[in-house]
Amino acid sequence: MSRAFLRESDLEEKPVQVKRVSPLPAGARHLMTAGGRERLSQEMTRLVETERPALAAAKEEGKARLEETDERIRYLEESLRTAEIVAPPPPGEERTRIRFGATVAVRDAKGPVARYRLVGVDETDVDRGWISYLSPLARALMNARIGQKVTLQARGGANVLEVTAIDYGAD
């Protein structure tokens, strides 16, 4: 079809919509640790400076991967733009309570100790025990102190967890 028969509005490029892989609920703050921001920045740099040029050079074979990479770059740009970096609390009283960025050790009734770190939605990593501060477990733990027991409601019933340690060490 000749371009002469198209409306001008049909020729305009549509803005690219950024897909949120881990959307925040309406009204939730986009909290992130300083280390998380650094890791996302490094990922974006790697994608922009290394992967994207290699995929663009691959032409047809890399087209699908190039689109995925471009989508990830847009997502990272938006994530980094909207993130609120939360510093660990200063030494003293505030470090005796579980807050964003804390690594927490808890023991359930069966006895095993588990460690979790409360991080932003873009930092979660199940293999490392990093959970979103919006998760039910993190919400149950928030503001608890060492020795305190918290109740986590789960499908199988309530699970009582005792806080055994709180750490605000390095990322």
Protein backbone atom coordinates (compact mmCIF):
# COMPACT_ATOMS: atom_id res chain seq x y z
CA MET A 1 0.00 0.00 0.00
CA SER A 2 1.28 3.44 -0.86
CA ARG A 3 2.09 5.76 2.06
CA ALA A 4 -0.12 8.34 0.34
CA PHE A 5 -3.19 6.40 1.43
CA LEU A 6 -2.27 6.26 5.14
CA ARG A 7 -3.40 8.73 7.76
CA GLU A 8 -0.63 10.79 9.33
CA SER A 9 -1.55 9.34 12.73
CA ASP A 10 -0.83 5.84 11.36
CA LEU A 11 2.74 6.88 10.56
CA GLU A 12 3.57 8.06 14.07
CA GLU A 13 5.68 5.71 16.12
CA LYS A 14 3.89 4.30 19.12
CA PRO A 15 5.68 4.74 22.46
CA VAL A 16 7.29 1.57 23.72
CA GLN A 17 5.50 0.14 26.74
CA VAL A 18 7.81 -1.12 29.47
CA LYS A 19 6.63 -4.47 30.80
CA ARG A 20 7.06 -4.78 34.53
CA VAL A 21 8.44 -8.20 35.36
CA SER A 22 7.77 -7.74 39.06
CA PRO A 23 5.09 -5.06 39.29
CA LEU A 24 4.62 -3.17 42.50
CA PRO A 25 1.15 -3.00 43.93
CA ALA A 26 -0.54 0.37 43.47
CA GLY A 27 0.87 2.88 45.94
CA ALA A 28 3.86 0.75 46.98
CA ARG A 29 7.23 2.46 47.16
CA HIS A 30 10.00 1.12 44.91
CA LEU A 31 12.58 0.53 47.62
CA MET A 32 16.05 -0.78 46.79
CA THR A 33 19.35 -1.29 48.60
CA ALA A 34 22.45 0.56 47.41
CA GLY A 35 23.97 -2.79 46.45
CA GLY A 36 20.87 -3.68 44.45
CA ARG A 37 21.08 -0.42 42.55
CA GLU A 38 24.73 -1.12 41.77
CA ARG A 39 23.97 -4.65 40.53
CA LEU A 40 21.15 -3.41 38.26
CA SER A 41 23.40 -0.61 36.94
CA GLN A 42 26.13 -3.12 36.15
CA GLU A 43 23.64 -5.39 34.37
CA MET A 44 22.40 -2.49 32.27
CA THR A 45 25.95 -1.44 31.37
CA ARG A 46 26.77 -5.02 30.31
CA LEU A 47 23.63 -5.25 28.18
CA VAL A 48 24.15 -1.87 26.51
CA GLU A 49 27.90 -2.12 25.96
CA THR A 50 28.39 -5.82 25.24
CA GLU A 51 25.27 -7.91 24.57
CA ARG A 52 23.23 -5.47 22.53
CA PRO A 53 26.02 -4.68 20.01
CA ALA A 54 26.79 -8.41 19.59
CA LEU A 55 23.12 -9.25 19.01
CA ALA A 56 22.66 -6.36 16.58
CA ALA A 57 25.64 -7.65 14.58
CA ALA A 58 24.10 -11.13 14.44
CA LYS A 59 21.22 -9.68 12.39
CA GLU A 60 18.38 -12.16 11.84
CA GLU A 61 19.66 -14.84 14.23
CA GLY A 62 19.83 -12.38 17.10
CA LYS A 63 16.63 -10.48 16.35
CA ALA A 64 14.43 -12.14 19.01
CA ARG A 65 17.17 -11.92 21.64
CA LEU A 66 17.79 -8.29 20.66
CA GLU A 67 14.13 -7.47 21.31
CA GLU A 68 14.31 -9.21 24.70
CA THR A 69 17.51 -7.36 25.54
CA ASP A 70 16.02 -4.01 24.54
CA GLU A 71 12.97 -4.75 26.70
CA ARG A 72 15.21 -5.62 29.66
CA ILE A 73 17.23 -2.41 29.15
CA ARG A 74 14.01 -0.34 29.17
CA TYR A 75 12.88 -2.15 32.31
CA LEU A 76 16.21 -1.52 34.06
CA GLU A 77 16.16 2.16 33.07
CA GLU A 78 12.66 2.54 34.55
CA SER A 79 13.57 0.56 37.66
CA LEU A 80 16.70 2.61 38.32
CA ARG A 81 14.85 5.86 37.63
CA THR A 82 12.06 5.15 40.12
CA ALA A 83 14.03 3.37 42.87
CA GLU A 84 14.29 4.86 46.34
CA ILE A 85 17.62 3.81 47.84
CA VAL A 86 17.29 2.85 51.50
CA ALA A 87 20.46 3.03 53.59
CA PRO A 88 20.87 0.71 56.56
CA PRO A 89 19.89 2.24 59.89
CA PRO A 90 22.70 3.83 61.91
CA PRO A 91 24.37 1.71 64.62
CA GLY A 92 22.47 1.51 67.87
CA GLU A 93 18.84 1.04 68.82
CA GLU A 94 17.48 1.01 65.25
CA ARG A 95 19.59 -2.02 64.36
CA THR A 96 17.85 -4.15 66.98
CA ARG A 97 14.65 -4.14 64.91
CA ILE A 98 14.10 -5.78 61.53
CA ARG A 99 13.98 -3.15 58.82
CA PHE A 100 14.41 -3.04 55.04
CA GLY A 101 17.84 -4.41 54.05
CA ALA A 102 18.27 -6.57 57.16
CA THR A 103 19.45 -10.17 57.02
CA VAL A 104 17.41 -12.13 59.51
CA ALA A 105 17.85 -15.58 61.00
CA VAL A 106 14.68 -17.30 62.15
CA ARG A 107 13.90 -20.70 63.64
CA ASP A 108 10.57 -22.46 63.27
CA ALA A 109 9.00 -24.96 65.68
CA LYS A 110 10.86 -27.86 64.02
CA GLY A 111 14.18 -26.26 64.86
CA PRO A 112 16.03 -25.50 61.61
CA VAL A 113 17.37 -21.96 61.21
CA ALA A 114 16.70 -20.11 57.97
CA ARG A 115 18.21 -16.82 56.80
CA TYR A 116 16.40 -14.18 54.77
CA ARG A 117 17.34 -10.73 53.56
CA LEU A 118 14.56 -8.17 53.08
CA VAL A 119 15.18 -6.40 49.77
CA GLY A 120 13.35 -4.59 46.98
CA VAL A 121 11.20 -6.39 44.41
CA ASP A 122 13.92 -6.11 41.73
CA GLU A 123 16.53 -7.63 44.04
CA THR A 124 14.77 -10.82 45.09
CA ASP A 125 16.82 -13.98 44.71
CA VAL A 126 15.31 -17.16 46.12
CA ASP A 127 18.61 -19.05 45.90
CA ARG A 128 20.28 -16.47 48.16
CA GLY A 129 17.31 -16.13 50.52
CA TRP A 130 16.63 -12.55 49.41
CA ILE A 131 12.91 -11.88 49.69
CA SER A 132 10.81 -8.88 48.71
CA TYR A 133 9.96 -6.54 51.55
CA LEU A 134 6.36 -6.84 50.30
CA SER A 135 6.21 -10.63 50.74
CA PRO A 136 4.05 -12.09 53.53
CA LEU A 137 7.15 -13.41 55.33
CA ALA A 138 8.91 -10.04 55.23
CA ARG A 139 5.77 -8.26 56.42
CA ALA A 140 5.48 -10.68 59.34
CA LEU A 141 9.12 -10.09 60.30
CA MET A 142 9.18 -6.30 59.90
CA ASN A 143 9.90 -4.45 63.18
CA ALA A 144 10.49 -7.66 65.17
CA ARG A 145 13.46 -7.95 67.54
CA ILE A 146 15.82 -10.80 68.43
CA GLY A 147 13.99 -13.34 70.60
CA GLN A 148 10.58 -12.20 69.41
CA LYS A 149 8.19 -14.73 67.87
CA VAL A 150 6.15 -13.81 64.82
CA THR A 151 3.30 -15.71 63.22
CA LEU A 152 3.24 -16.32 59.49
CA GLN A 153 -0.10 -17.38 58.08
CA ALA A 154 0.45 -20.05 55.42
CA ARG A 155 -1.76 -22.44 53.43
CA GLY A 156 -1.10 -25.24 55.88
CA GLY A 157 -1.91 -23.04 58.88
CA ALA A 158 0.05 -20.69 61.07
CA ASN A 159 3.81 -21.03 61.38
CA VAL A 160 5.53 -19.45 64.40
CA LEU A 161 9.05 -18.17 63.75
CA GLU A 162 11.51 -16.99 66.38
CA VAL A 163 13.95 -14.25 65.37
CA THR A 164 17.46 -15.43 66.35
CA ALA A 165 19.65 -12.80 64.64
CA ILE A 166 19.49 -9.48 62.77
CA ASP A 167 22.38 -8.20 60.67
CA TYR A 168 22.82 -5.07 58.56
CA GLY A 169 26.19 -6.11 57.11
CA ALA A 170 27.49 -5.42 53.64
CA ASP A 171 25.51 -6.16 50.48
